[in-house]
Amino acid sequence: MTTAKRDAEQPAPRQPVVDVIREAITRGEFAPNQRLVEAELSEQCDASRAAVRNALVQLATEGLVERVQNRGARVRAVSLEEAIEITEVRMVVEGLCAARAAERVVDEDKAELREIGEQMRTAVSGGDVWGYSELNKRLHSLVLRVSGQQTAHEVLSRLRGQNVRHQFRLAMHPGRPTVSLPQHLAIIEAICAADPTAAEQAMREHLRSVLDALPEVGGTRFNAV
């Protein structure tokens, strides 16, 4: 039997339970304050209750879940006020990361950044809001990776997890991609130009725009991500 055939016959690796539940929360399959029942999650995830319990403990440390004494776990609701505070912290930390990325960027990184930029243009022109949202995540993750800031990575991972619903409401807000596209392109160009000052300023301006827009969408009925 050839290696390729053996590989084809191998079942796909199962996704860790914590990842399954995390993605379900961020996609909006569970609403804010909704109870997370271990027995139901065990059946849905085809996993043991112990595995589900451990996953909920981890998600509680990430700020996505809260455990209530004698009542189990539920999806943690993040208020608009908290979402604004989180974005203010992101503005400082991601501004630093953009500056560091501009100092460390290499040709391979530049090509990947510009490719994402072109894909963003295409998504906006084609009205692909979901695709644009995914590219948005890729861009911010790439800037963070290029920056080499491991501590920032840990901080931002937690903050984004807590704020993901408000981010999605904003991403789905009519006309938002058209507003944020030139901001993202400015970030890309500043980093590719190896200009730390411009890169930090572009990132801060982008997140300042997010801050300004959050109150407009805080009352919308989007529950996904």
N, C-alpha and C. Protein backbone atom coordinates (compact mmCIF):
# COMPACT_ATOMS: atom_id res chain seq x y z
N MET A 1 0.85 -1.20 0.00
CA MET A 1 0.00 0.00 0.00
C MET A 1 0.88 1.25 0.00
N THR A 2 0.58 2.19 -0.87
CA THR A 2 1.40 3.39 -0.96
C THR A 2 1.11 4.31 0.22
N THR A 3 2.09 5.21 0.46
CA THR A 3 1.92 6.18 1.56
C THR A 3 0.70 7.05 1.33
N ALA A 4 0.52 7.49 0.06
CA ALA A 4 -0.62 8.36 -0.26
C ALA A 4 -1.94 7.65 0.03
N LYS A 5 -2.00 6.34 -0.33
CA LYS A 5 -3.23 5.59 -0.09
C LYS A 5 -3.49 5.42 1.39
N ARG A 6 -2.41 5.11 2.15
CA ARG A 6 -2.57 4.98 3.60
C ARG A 6 -3.07 6.29 4.20
N ASP A 7 -2.48 7.42 3.74
CA ASP A 7 -2.89 8.72 4.27
C ASP A 7 -4.35 9.00 3.97
N ALA A 8 -4.78 8.62 2.74
CA ALA A 8 -6.16 8.86 2.34
C ALA A 8 -7.14 8.07 3.20
N GLU A 9 -6.70 6.88 3.66
CA GLU A 9 -7.57 6.02 4.45
C GLU A 9 -7.57 6.39 5.92
N GLN A 10 -6.63 7.23 6.35
CA GLN A 10 -6.58 7.64 7.74
C GLN A 10 -7.71 8.61 8.03
N PRO A 11 -8.44 8.42 9.13
CA PRO A 11 -9.50 9.38 9.47
C PRO A 11 -8.90 10.73 9.83
N ALA A 12 -9.63 11.79 9.53
CA ALA A 12 -9.14 13.13 9.87
C ALA A 12 -9.02 13.25 11.38
N PRO A 13 -7.96 13.91 11.86
CA PRO A 13 -7.79 14.05 13.30
C PRO A 13 -8.95 14.83 13.91
N ARG A 14 -9.41 14.40 15.07
CA ARG A 14 -10.53 15.06 15.72
C ARG A 14 -10.07 16.38 16.31
N GLN A 15 -10.93 17.36 16.19
CA GLN A 15 -10.64 18.68 16.73
C GLN A 15 -10.78 18.63 18.25
N PRO A 16 -9.85 19.23 18.98
CA PRO A 16 -9.97 19.25 20.45
C PRO A 16 -11.31 19.83 20.87
N VAL A 17 -11.85 19.28 21.95
CA VAL A 17 -13.17 19.71 22.42
C VAL A 17 -13.19 21.20 22.71
N VAL A 18 -12.12 21.71 23.31
CA VAL A 18 -12.09 23.13 23.65
C VAL A 18 -12.20 24.00 22.39
N ASP A 19 -11.60 23.55 21.29
CA ASP A 19 -11.68 24.31 20.04
C ASP A 19 -13.09 24.27 19.46
N VAL A 20 -13.75 23.11 19.57
CA VAL A 20 -15.11 22.97 19.05
C VAL A 20 -16.05 23.92 19.78
N ILE A 21 -15.95 23.94 21.11
CA ILE A 21 -16.86 24.79 21.89
C ILE A 21 -16.51 26.26 21.68
N ARG A 22 -15.23 26.57 21.62
CA ARG A 22 -14.81 27.96 21.40
C ARG A 22 -15.38 28.48 20.09
N GLU A 23 -15.24 27.69 19.03
CA GLU A 23 -15.73 28.12 17.72
C GLU A 23 -17.25 28.26 17.72
N ALA A 24 -17.94 27.37 18.43
CA ALA A 24 -19.40 27.46 18.50
C ALA A 24 -19.82 28.75 19.20
N ILE A 25 -19.09 29.13 20.23
CA ILE A 25 -19.42 30.37 20.94
C ILE A 25 -19.15 31.57 20.04
N THR A 26 -18.01 31.59 19.38
CA THR A 26 -17.66 32.74 18.56
C THR A 26 -18.51 32.84 17.31
N ARG A 27 -19.04 31.71 16.82
CA ARG A 27 -19.95 31.76 15.67
C ARG A 27 -21.36 32.15 16.08
N GLY A 28 -21.62 32.23 17.37
CA GLY A 28 -22.94 32.63 17.83
C GLY A 28 -23.92 31.49 17.98
N GLU A 29 -23.45 30.25 17.99
CA GLU A 29 -24.34 29.11 18.19
C GLU A 29 -24.87 29.08 19.62
N PHE A 30 -24.14 29.73 20.53
CA PHE A 30 -24.59 29.90 21.91
C PHE A 30 -24.72 31.40 22.17
N ALA A 31 -25.82 31.80 22.74
CA ALA A 31 -26.06 33.22 22.99
C ALA A 31 -25.41 33.66 24.30
N PRO A 32 -25.16 34.97 24.47
CA PRO A 32 -24.63 35.46 25.74
C PRO A 32 -25.54 35.04 26.89
N ASN A 33 -24.93 34.59 27.98
CA ASN A 33 -25.61 34.14 29.21
C ASN A 33 -26.29 32.78 29.06
N GLN A 34 -26.18 32.15 27.88
CA GLN A 34 -26.78 30.82 27.72
C GLN A 34 -26.01 29.79 28.54
N ARG A 35 -26.74 28.92 29.21
CA ARG A 35 -26.11 27.86 29.99
C ARG A 35 -25.44 26.86 29.07
N LEU A 36 -24.31 26.35 29.51
CA LEU A 36 -23.57 25.33 28.78
C LEU A 36 -23.65 24.05 29.60
N VAL A 37 -24.51 23.15 29.17
CA VAL A 37 -24.78 21.93 29.92
C VAL A 37 -23.80 20.85 29.49
N GLU A 38 -23.06 20.33 30.45
CA GLU A 38 -22.00 19.36 30.13
C GLU A 38 -22.54 18.14 29.39
N ALA A 39 -23.68 17.62 29.83
CA ALA A 39 -24.22 16.41 29.19
C ALA A 39 -24.57 16.68 27.72
N GLU A 40 -25.16 17.85 27.45
CA GLU A 40 -25.52 18.19 26.08
C GLU A 40 -24.28 18.41 25.22
N LEU A 41 -23.29 19.12 25.77
CA LEU A 41 -22.06 19.36 25.03
C LEU A 41 -21.31 18.06 24.77
N SER A 42 -21.36 17.15 25.74
CA SER A 42 -20.70 15.86 25.57
C SER A 42 -21.28 15.11 24.39
N GLU A 43 -22.60 15.16 24.25
CA GLU A 43 -23.25 14.49 23.13
C GLU A 43 -22.95 15.20 21.81
N GLN A 44 -23.03 16.52 21.82
CA GLN A 44 -22.78 17.29 20.60
C GLN A 44 -21.35 17.13 20.10
N CYS A 45 -20.40 17.09 21.03
CA CYS A 45 -18.98 17.01 20.66
C CYS A 45 -18.48 15.58 20.57
N ASP A 46 -19.35 14.62 20.91
CA ASP A 46 -18.94 13.21 20.94
C ASP A 46 -17.68 13.06 21.80
N ALA A 47 -17.77 13.59 23.01
CA ALA A 47 -16.63 13.56 23.93
C ALA A 47 -17.12 13.25 25.33
N SER A 48 -16.21 12.88 26.19
CA SER A 48 -16.57 12.57 27.56
C SER A 48 -16.93 13.84 28.31
N ARG A 49 -17.69 13.69 29.38
CA ARG A 49 -18.05 14.85 30.18
C ARG A 49 -16.80 15.45 30.85
N ALA A 50 -15.85 14.60 31.16
CA ALA A 50 -14.60 15.10 31.76
C ALA A 50 -13.88 16.02 30.77
N ALA A 51 -13.86 15.62 29.49
CA ALA A 51 -13.20 16.44 28.47
C ALA A 51 -13.94 17.77 28.31
N VAL A 52 -15.27 17.71 28.34
CA VAL A 52 -16.06 18.94 28.23
C VAL A 52 -15.82 19.83 29.43
N ARG A 53 -15.78 19.24 30.62
CA ARG A 53 -15.55 20.02 31.84
C ARG A 53 -14.20 20.73 31.78
N ASN A 54 -13.18 20.02 31.35
CA ASN A 54 -11.85 20.62 31.24
C ASN A 54 -11.84 21.75 30.21
N ALA A 55 -12.58 21.56 29.11
CA ALA A 55 -12.66 22.59 28.08
C ALA A 55 -13.33 23.85 28.63
N LEU A 56 -14.38 23.69 29.41
CA LEU A 56 -15.07 24.84 29.98
C LEU A 56 -14.20 25.60 30.96
N VAL A 57 -13.38 24.86 31.70
CA VAL A 57 -12.45 25.51 32.62
C VAL A 57 -11.46 26.37 31.83
N GLN A 58 -10.93 25.83 30.73
CA GLN A 58 -9.99 26.59 29.90
C GLN A 58 -10.65 27.81 29.29
N LEU A 59 -11.88 27.66 28.81
CA LEU A 59 -12.59 28.78 28.19
C LEU A 59 -12.94 29.85 29.22
N ALA A 60 -13.10 29.43 30.47
CA ALA A 60 -13.33 30.41 31.53
C ALA A 60 -12.09 31.27 31.74
N THR A 61 -10.90 30.66 31.64
CA THR A 61 -9.67 31.44 31.79
C THR A 61 -9.48 32.39 30.62
N GLU A 62 -10.06 32.06 29.46
CA GLU A 62 -9.96 32.92 28.28
C GLU A 62 -11.00 34.05 28.31
N GLY A 63 -11.95 33.96 29.23
CA GLY A 63 -12.97 35.00 29.32
C GLY A 63 -14.19 34.77 28.45
N LEU A 64 -14.29 33.61 27.81
CA LEU A 64 -15.45 33.32 26.97
C LEU A 64 -16.59 32.70 27.77
N VAL A 65 -16.25 32.05 28.85
CA VAL A 65 -17.22 31.33 29.67
C VAL A 65 -17.08 31.80 31.11
N GLU A 66 -18.19 31.81 31.84
CA GLU A 66 -18.11 32.07 33.27
C GLU A 66 -18.79 30.94 34.01
N ARG A 67 -18.18 30.55 35.11
CA ARG A 67 -18.72 29.45 35.91
C ARG A 67 -19.43 30.06 37.11
N VAL A 68 -20.70 29.67 37.30
CA VAL A 68 -21.53 30.21 38.37
C VAL A 68 -21.72 29.12 39.42
N GLN A 69 -21.43 29.47 40.67
CA GLN A 69 -21.51 28.48 41.73
C GLN A 69 -22.88 27.82 41.79
N ASN A 70 -22.86 26.50 41.80
CA ASN A 70 -24.07 25.67 41.88
C ASN A 70 -24.97 25.76 40.65
N ARG A 71 -24.50 26.46 39.61
CA ARG A 71 -25.33 26.59 38.41
C ARG A 71 -24.58 26.22 37.13
N GLY A 72 -23.36 25.77 37.25
CA GLY A 72 -22.60 25.35 36.09
C GLY A 72 -21.97 26.50 35.34
N ALA A 73 -21.88 26.35 34.03
CA ALA A 73 -21.20 27.34 33.20
C ALA A 73 -22.18 27.99 32.23
N ARG A 74 -21.85 29.20 31.80
CA ARG A 74 -22.65 29.89 30.80
C ARG A 74 -21.74 30.77 29.96
N VAL A 75 -22.21 31.15 28.79
CA VAL A 75 -21.45 32.03 27.91
C VAL A 75 -21.38 33.42 28.56
N ARG A 76 -20.19 33.95 28.68
CA ARG A 76 -20.03 35.25 29.33
C ARG A 76 -20.47 36.37 28.39
N ALA A 77 -21.31 37.25 28.90
CA ALA A 77 -21.75 38.41 28.13
C ALA A 77 -20.79 39.57 28.37
N VAL A 78 -20.39 40.22 27.28
CA VAL A 78 -19.49 41.38 27.38
C VAL A 78 -20.29 42.62 27.02
N SER A 79 -20.32 43.58 27.94
CA SER A 79 -21.08 44.80 27.72
C SER A 79 -20.38 45.69 26.69
N LEU A 80 -21.12 46.64 26.17
CA LEU A 80 -20.53 47.61 25.24
C LEU A 80 -19.41 48.38 25.91
N GLU A 81 -19.60 48.75 27.17
CA GLU A 81 -18.58 49.50 27.89
C GLU A 81 -17.29 48.70 27.99
N GLU A 82 -17.42 47.40 28.28
CA GLU A 82 -16.22 46.56 28.37
C GLU A 82 -15.59 46.38 26.99
N ALA A 83 -16.42 46.26 25.97
CA ALA A 83 -15.89 46.13 24.61
C ALA A 83 -15.07 47.35 24.22
N ILE A 84 -15.52 48.53 24.65
CA ILE A 84 -14.78 49.76 24.36
C ILE A 84 -13.44 49.76 25.10
N GLU A 85 -13.45 49.34 26.36
CA GLU A 85 -12.20 49.28 27.12
C GLU A 85 -11.21 48.30 26.48
N ILE A 86 -11.73 47.16 26.04
CA ILE A 86 -10.87 46.16 25.40
C ILE A 86 -10.25 46.73 24.14
N THR A 87 -11.05 47.44 23.35
CA THR A 87 -10.54 48.02 22.11
C THR A 87 -9.50 49.09 22.39
N GLU A 88 -9.67 49.84 23.46
CA GLU A 88 -8.68 50.85 23.84
C GLU A 88 -7.34 50.21 24.15
N VAL A 89 -7.37 49.07 24.84
CA VAL A 89 -6.12 48.35 25.13
C VAL A 89 -5.53 47.79 23.84
N ARG A 90 -6.39 47.24 22.99
CA ARG A 90 -5.91 46.73 21.70
C ARG A 90 -5.22 47.82 20.90
N MET A 91 -5.76 49.03 20.95
CA MET A 91 -5.19 50.13 20.16
C MET A 91 -3.73 50.36 20.55
N VAL A 92 -3.45 50.31 21.84
CA VAL A 92 -2.08 50.51 22.31
C VAL A 92 -1.20 49.32 21.93
N VAL A 93 -1.67 48.12 22.23
CA VAL A 93 -0.85 46.93 22.03
C VAL A 93 -0.64 46.64 20.54
N GLU A 94 -1.71 46.72 19.76
CA GLU A 94 -1.56 46.43 18.33
C GLU A 94 -0.81 47.55 17.61
N GLY A 95 -0.89 48.77 18.13
CA GLY A 95 -0.05 49.83 17.57
C GLY A 95 1.42 49.51 17.74
N LEU A 96 1.78 49.05 18.93
CA LEU A 96 3.16 48.63 19.18
C LEU A 96 3.56 47.49 18.24
N CYS A 97 2.66 46.51 18.08
CA CYS A 97 2.97 45.37 17.22
C CYS A 97 3.18 45.80 15.77
N ALA A 98 2.38 46.74 15.30
CA ALA A 98 2.54 47.23 13.92
C ALA A 98 3.91 47.90 13.75
N ALA A 99 4.32 48.68 14.76
CA ALA A 99 5.63 49.33 14.69
C ALA A 99 6.75 48.29 14.67
N ARG A 100 6.64 47.29 15.52
CA ARG A 100 7.67 46.25 15.55
C ARG A 100 7.67 45.44 14.26
N ALA A 101 6.49 45.20 13.70
CA ALA A 101 6.41 44.47 12.44
C ALA A 101 7.12 45.24 11.33
N ALA A 102 6.98 46.56 11.33
CA ALA A 102 7.65 47.39 10.32
C ALA A 102 9.16 47.32 10.47
N GLU A 103 9.63 47.11 11.67
CA GLU A 103 11.07 47.01 11.92
C GLU A 103 11.62 45.64 11.51
N ARG A 104 10.76 44.61 11.53
CA ARG A 104 11.22 43.24 11.32
C ARG A 104 10.81 42.65 9.98
N VAL A 105 9.97 43.36 9.22
CA VAL A 105 9.38 42.79 8.01
C VAL A 105 10.45 42.42 6.98
N VAL A 106 10.24 41.28 6.32
CA VAL A 106 11.13 40.83 5.24
C VAL A 106 10.28 40.69 3.97
N ASP A 107 10.95 40.43 2.86
CA ASP A 107 10.27 40.39 1.57
C ASP A 107 9.12 39.38 1.54
N GLU A 108 9.33 38.22 2.15
CA GLU A 108 8.28 37.20 2.17
C GLU A 108 7.05 37.71 2.91
N ASP A 109 7.27 38.41 4.02
CA ASP A 109 6.15 38.99 4.77
C ASP A 109 5.43 40.04 3.94
N LYS A 110 6.20 40.87 3.25
CA LYS A 110 5.59 41.92 2.42
C LYS A 110 4.69 41.32 1.36
N ALA A 111 5.15 40.24 0.74
CA ALA A 111 4.34 39.61 -0.30
C ALA A 111 3.03 39.08 0.28
N GLU A 112 3.11 38.48 1.47
CA GLU A 112 1.90 37.94 2.09
C GLU A 112 0.96 39.06 2.51
N LEU A 113 1.50 40.13 3.05
CA LEU A 113 0.68 41.27 3.44
C LEU A 113 -0.05 41.86 2.24
N ARG A 114 0.69 42.05 1.15
CA ARG A 114 0.07 42.65 -0.03
C ARG A 114 -0.95 41.72 -0.68
N GLU A 115 -0.70 40.43 -0.59
CA GLU A 115 -1.68 39.47 -1.12
C GLU A 115 -2.99 39.56 -0.34
N ILE A 116 -2.89 39.66 0.99
CA ILE A 116 -4.10 39.81 1.80
C ILE A 116 -4.81 41.11 1.43
N GLY A 117 -4.03 42.18 1.22
CA GLY A 117 -4.62 43.45 0.83
C GLY A 117 -5.41 43.35 -0.46
N GLU A 118 -4.86 42.65 -1.45
CA GLU A 118 -5.56 42.48 -2.72
C GLU A 118 -6.82 41.64 -2.55
N GLN A 119 -6.72 40.60 -1.73
CA GLN A 119 -7.89 39.77 -1.47
C GLN A 119 -8.98 40.56 -0.75
N MET A 120 -8.56 41.47 0.12
CA MET A 120 -9.52 42.34 0.80
C MET A 120 -10.24 43.24 -0.21
N ARG A 121 -9.48 43.81 -1.15
CA ARG A 121 -10.11 44.64 -2.19
C ARG A 121 -11.17 43.84 -2.94
N THR A 122 -10.80 42.62 -3.32
CA THR A 122 -11.71 41.77 -4.09
C THR A 122 -12.96 41.45 -3.28
N ALA A 123 -12.78 41.15 -1.99
CA ALA A 123 -13.91 40.80 -1.13
C ALA A 123 -14.87 41.98 -1.01
N VAL A 124 -14.33 43.17 -0.84
CA VAL A 124 -15.19 44.36 -0.69
C VAL A 124 -15.92 44.66 -1.99
N SER A 125 -15.19 44.60 -3.10
CA SER A 125 -15.83 44.89 -4.39
C SER A 125 -16.90 43.87 -4.74
N GLY A 126 -16.73 42.64 -4.25
CA GLY A 126 -17.70 41.59 -4.52
C GLY A 126 -18.77 41.46 -3.45
N GLY A 127 -18.73 42.31 -2.43
CA GLY A 127 -19.73 42.24 -1.36
C GLY A 127 -19.60 41.02 -0.48
N ASP A 128 -18.40 40.44 -0.42
CA ASP A 128 -18.18 39.23 0.38
C ASP A 128 -17.80 39.63 1.81
N VAL A 129 -18.81 39.90 2.63
CA VAL A 129 -18.56 40.38 3.98
C VAL A 129 -17.90 39.30 4.84
N TRP A 130 -18.35 38.06 4.70
CA TRP A 130 -17.76 36.98 5.49
C TRP A 130 -16.29 36.78 5.12
N GLY A 131 -16.03 36.78 3.82
CA GLY A 131 -14.65 36.61 3.38
C GLY A 131 -13.76 37.74 3.85
N TYR A 132 -14.30 38.96 3.81
CA TYR A 132 -13.54 40.11 4.28
C TYR A 132 -13.24 39.99 5.77
N SER A 133 -14.22 39.53 6.53
CA SER A 133 -14.02 39.35 7.97
C SER A 133 -12.89 38.37 8.26
N GLU A 134 -12.84 37.27 7.51
CA GLU A 134 -11.77 36.29 7.70
C GLU A 134 -10.42 36.87 7.31
N LEU A 135 -10.37 37.66 6.25
CA LEU A 135 -9.13 38.29 5.83
C LEU A 135 -8.67 39.32 6.88
N ASN A 136 -9.62 39.99 7.49
CA ASN A 136 -9.32 40.92 8.57
C ASN A 136 -8.57 40.20 9.69
N LYS A 137 -9.10 39.04 10.09
CA LYS A 137 -8.44 38.25 11.14
C LYS A 137 -7.05 37.83 10.70
N ARG A 138 -6.92 37.39 9.44
CA ARG A 138 -5.61 36.96 8.94
C ARG A 138 -4.59 38.09 8.97
N LEU A 139 -5.04 39.28 8.59
CA LEU A 139 -4.13 40.42 8.56
C LEU A 139 -3.63 40.75 9.96
N HIS A 140 -4.52 40.87 10.91
CA HIS A 140 -4.12 41.22 12.26
C HIS A 140 -3.22 40.13 12.86
N SER A 141 -3.52 38.87 12.55
CA SER A 141 -2.68 37.77 13.05
C SER A 141 -1.29 37.82 12.43
N LEU A 142 -1.23 38.14 11.13
CA LEU A 142 0.06 38.21 10.44
C LEU A 142 0.90 39.36 10.99
N VAL A 143 0.30 40.51 11.22
CA VAL A 143 1.04 41.64 11.79
C VAL A 143 1.62 41.24 13.14
N LEU A 144 0.82 40.55 13.93
CA LEU A 144 1.28 40.11 15.25
C LEU A 144 2.44 39.12 15.12
N ARG A 145 2.32 38.19 14.17
CA ARG A 145 3.39 37.21 14.00
C ARG A 145 4.68 37.87 13.54
N VAL A 146 4.58 38.77 12.59
CA VAL A 146 5.78 39.45 12.09
C VAL A 146 6.42 40.29 13.18
N SER A 147 5.62 40.82 14.08
CA SER A 147 6.16 41.67 15.15
C SER A 147 7.05 40.90 16.10
N GLY A 148 6.79 39.60 16.24
CA GLY A 148 7.59 38.80 17.16
C GLY A 148 7.29 39.05 18.62
N GLN A 149 6.17 39.68 18.91
CA GLN A 149 5.81 40.05 20.28
C GLN A 149 4.97 38.94 20.93
N GLN A 150 5.61 38.00 21.60
CA GLN A 150 4.91 36.87 22.18
C GLN A 150 3.99 37.30 23.32
N THR A 151 4.45 38.22 24.15
CA THR A 151 3.60 38.69 25.24
C THR A 151 2.34 39.36 24.69
N ALA A 152 2.50 40.17 23.66
CA ALA A 152 1.35 40.81 23.03
C ALA A 152 0.40 39.76 22.46
N HIS A 153 0.96 38.70 21.91
CA HIS A 153 0.13 37.63 21.35
C HIS A 153 -0.77 37.04 22.43
N GLU A 154 -0.22 36.79 23.61
CA GLU A 154 -1.00 36.21 24.70
C GLU A 154 -2.08 37.18 25.17
N VAL A 155 -1.72 38.45 25.29
CA VAL A 155 -2.68 39.46 25.74
C VAL A 155 -3.82 39.60 24.72
N LEU A 156 -3.46 39.71 23.44
CA LEU A 156 -4.47 39.95 22.41
C LEU A 156 -5.37 38.75 22.19
N SER A 157 -4.82 37.55 22.35
CA SER A 157 -5.65 36.35 22.18
C SER A 157 -6.79 36.36 23.19
N ARG A 158 -6.48 36.73 24.40
CA ARG A 158 -7.52 36.79 25.44
C ARG A 158 -8.52 37.90 25.15
N LEU A 159 -8.01 39.07 24.81
CA LEU A 159 -8.90 40.21 24.58
C LEU A 159 -9.83 39.97 23.40
N ARG A 160 -9.30 39.42 22.32
CA ARG A 160 -10.13 39.19 21.13
C ARG A 160 -11.20 38.15 21.41
N GLY A 161 -10.84 37.13 22.20
CA GLY A 161 -11.83 36.12 22.55
C GLY A 161 -13.00 36.72 23.29
N GLN A 162 -12.72 37.63 24.22
CA GLN A 162 -13.77 38.25 25.00
C GLN A 162 -14.62 39.20 24.16
N ASN A 163 -14.01 39.79 23.15
CA ASN A 163 -14.65 40.88 22.41
C ASN A 163 -15.22 40.44 21.06
N VAL A 164 -15.18 39.13 20.80
CA VAL A 164 -15.42 38.67 19.45
C VAL A 164 -16.84 38.96 18.97
N ARG A 165 -17.84 38.94 19.85
CA ARG A 165 -19.21 39.21 19.41
C ARG A 165 -19.38 40.65 18.94
N HIS A 166 -18.80 41.58 19.69
CA HIS A 166 -18.89 42.98 19.28
C HIS A 166 -18.13 43.21 17.97
N GLN A 167 -17.01 42.51 17.81
CA GLN A 167 -16.25 42.64 16.56
C GLN A 167 -17.09 42.16 15.39
N PHE A 168 -17.83 41.09 15.60
CA PHE A 168 -18.66 40.57 14.51
C PHE A 168 -19.81 41.51 14.19
N ARG A 169 -20.45 42.04 15.21
CA ARG A 169 -21.51 43.01 14.96
C ARG A 169 -21.00 44.15 14.09
N LEU A 170 -19.79 44.61 14.43
CA LEU A 170 -19.20 45.71 13.67
C LEU A 170 -18.89 45.28 12.24
N ALA A 171 -18.32 44.06 12.10
CA ALA A 171 -17.97 43.58 10.76
C ALA A 171 -19.19 43.44 9.86
N MET A 172 -20.34 43.10 10.46
CA MET A 172 -21.57 42.91 9.69
C MET A 172 -22.34 44.22 9.49
N HIS A 173 -21.88 45.30 10.11
CA HIS A 173 -22.59 46.57 10.00
C HIS A 173 -22.52 47.08 8.56
N PRO A 174 -23.63 47.48 7.98
CA PRO A 174 -23.64 47.94 6.57
C PRO A 174 -22.60 49.03 6.32
N GLY A 175 -21.78 48.81 5.29
CA GLY A 175 -20.79 49.80 4.89
C GLY A 175 -19.49 49.76 5.65
N ARG A 176 -19.40 48.94 6.70
CA ARG A 176 -18.17 48.93 7.50
C ARG A 176 -16.95 48.46 6.71
N PRO A 177 -17.03 47.39 5.91
CA PRO A 177 -15.84 46.99 5.14
C PRO A 177 -15.29 48.10 4.25
N THR A 178 -16.18 48.91 3.67
CA THR A 178 -15.74 50.01 2.82
C THR A 178 -14.96 51.04 3.62
N VAL A 179 -15.35 51.22 4.88
CA VAL A 179 -14.64 52.16 5.76
C VAL A 179 -13.28 51.61 6.18
N SER A 180 -13.27 50.33 6.56
CA SER A 180 -12.04 49.78 7.13
C SER A 180 -11.01 49.35 6.08
N LEU A 181 -11.45 49.10 4.84
CA LEU A 181 -10.50 48.66 3.81
C LEU A 181 -9.34 49.63 3.64
N PRO A 182 -9.56 50.92 3.40
CA PRO A 182 -8.40 51.82 3.24
C PRO A 182 -7.55 51.89 4.50
N GLN A 183 -8.14 51.70 5.66
CA GLN A 183 -7.37 51.68 6.90
C GLN A 183 -6.43 50.48 6.93
N HIS A 184 -6.95 49.32 6.55
CA HIS A 184 -6.12 48.12 6.51
C HIS A 184 -5.01 48.25 5.46
N LEU A 185 -5.35 48.82 4.32
CA LEU A 185 -4.34 48.99 3.27
C LEU A 185 -3.25 49.95 3.72
N ALA A 186 -3.61 50.96 4.51
CA ALA A 186 -2.61 51.89 5.03
C ALA A 186 -1.66 51.19 6.00
N ILE A 187 -2.21 50.30 6.81
CA ILE A 187 -1.37 49.51 7.72
C ILE A 187 -0.38 48.66 6.92
N ILE A 188 -0.89 48.00 5.90
CA ILE A 188 -0.05 47.13 5.06
C ILE A 188 1.07 47.93 4.41
N GLU A 189 0.74 49.05 3.82
CA GLU A 189 1.75 49.83 3.10
C GLU A 189 2.80 50.40 4.05
N ALA A 190 2.39 50.83 5.24
CA ALA A 190 3.35 51.37 6.20
C ALA A 190 4.32 50.30 6.68
N ILE A 191 3.81 49.10 6.92
CA ILE A 191 4.69 48.00 7.35
C ILE A 191 5.62 47.61 6.21
N CYS A 192 5.08 47.50 5.01
CA CYS A 192 5.92 47.14 3.86
C CYS A 192 6.97 48.20 3.56
N ALA A 193 6.69 49.44 3.92
CA ALA A 193 7.66 50.52 3.73
C ALA A 193 8.67 50.56 4.86
N ALA A 194 8.53 49.64 5.81
CA ALA A 194 9.43 49.57 6.97
C ALA A 194 9.46 50.89 7.74
N ASP A 195 8.26 51.47 7.91
CA ASP A 195 8.11 52.75 8.60
C ASP A 195 7.36 52.51 9.91
N PRO A 196 8.08 52.31 11.03
CA PRO A 196 7.42 51.99 12.29
C PRO A 196 6.44 53.06 12.76
N THR A 197 6.81 54.33 12.61
CA THR A 197 5.94 55.42 13.07
C THR A 197 4.63 55.43 12.31
N ALA A 198 4.72 55.32 10.99
CA ALA A 198 3.50 55.31 10.16
C ALA A 198 2.67 54.07 10.42
N ALA A 199 3.33 52.93 10.63
CA ALA A 199 2.61 51.69 10.88
C ALA A 199 1.83 51.77 12.19
N GLU A 200 2.47 52.28 13.24
CA GLU A 200 1.77 52.41 14.52
C GLU A 200 0.61 53.38 14.40
N GLN A 201 0.83 54.49 13.71
CA GLN A 201 -0.23 55.48 13.55
C GLN A 201 -1.40 54.91 12.76
N ALA A 202 -1.10 54.16 11.69
CA ALA A 202 -2.16 53.57 10.87
C ALA A 202 -2.99 52.58 11.67
N MET A 203 -2.31 51.76 12.49
CA MET A 203 -3.05 50.78 13.31
C MET A 203 -3.89 51.48 14.35
N ARG A 204 -3.34 52.51 14.98
CA ARG A 204 -4.10 53.23 15.99
C ARG A 204 -5.32 53.93 15.36
N GLU A 205 -5.13 54.50 14.18
CA GLU A 205 -6.25 55.17 13.52
C GLU A 205 -7.35 54.17 13.16
N HIS A 206 -6.94 52.99 12.74
CA HIS A 206 -7.92 51.95 12.42
C HIS A 206 -8.73 51.57 13.67
N LEU A 207 -8.04 51.34 14.78
CA LEU A 207 -8.75 50.93 15.98
C LEU A 207 -9.50 52.09 16.63
N ARG A 208 -9.05 53.32 16.39
CA ARG A 208 -9.83 54.48 16.81
C ARG A 208 -11.16 54.51 16.06
N SER A 209 -11.12 54.14 14.78
CA SER A 209 -12.34 54.06 13.99
C SER A 209 -13.28 52.99 14.55
N VAL A 210 -12.70 51.87 14.99
CA VAL A 210 -13.50 50.82 15.62
C VAL A 210 -14.17 51.35 16.88
N LEU A 211 -13.39 52.06 17.70
CA LEU A 211 -13.94 52.64 18.92
C LEU A 211 -15.11 53.57 18.63
N ASP A 212 -14.95 54.41 17.61
CA ASP A 212 -15.99 55.36 17.27
C ASP A 212 -17.26 54.66 16.77
N ALA A 213 -17.08 53.50 16.12
CA ALA A 213 -18.22 52.81 15.52
C ALA A 213 -18.93 51.87 16.48
N LEU A 214 -18.25 51.40 17.51
CA LEU A 214 -18.85 50.41 18.41
C LEU A 214 -20.20 50.85 18.99
N PRO A 215 -20.34 52.10 19.48
CA PRO A 215 -21.65 52.49 20.03
C PRO A 215 -22.77 52.42 19.00
N GLU A 216 -22.45 52.59 17.72
CA GLU A 216 -23.47 52.56 16.68
C GLU A 216 -24.06 51.16 16.51
N VAL A 217 -23.24 50.15 16.79
CA VAL A 217 -23.70 48.77 16.56
C VAL A 217 -23.96 48.03 17.86
N GLY A 218 -23.75 48.69 18.99
CA GLY A 218 -23.92 48.03 20.27
C GLY A 218 -25.32 47.49 20.51
N GLY A 219 -26.30 48.12 19.87
CA GLY A 219 -27.67 47.68 20.09
C GLY A 219 -28.22 46.81 18.98
N THR A 220 -27.40 46.43 18.01
CA THR A 220 -27.89 45.60 16.92
C THR A 220 -28.19 44.19 17.41
N ARG A 221 -28.91 43.43 16.60
CA ARG A 221 -29.38 42.13 17.07
C ARG A 221 -28.51 40.99 16.58
N PHE A 222 -27.33 41.26 16.06
CA PHE A 222 -26.45 40.19 15.64
C PHE A 222 -25.98 39.43 16.86
N ASN A 223 -26.08 38.11 16.85
CA ASN A 223 -25.60 37.29 17.94
C ASN A 223 -24.43 36.42 17.54
N ALA A 224 -24.13 36.37 16.25
CA ALA A 224 -23.05 35.50 15.80
C ALA A 224 -21.70 36.13 16.06
N VAL A 225 -20.72 35.33 16.18
CA VAL A 225 -19.33 35.64 16.47
C VAL A 225 -19.19 36.90 17.26
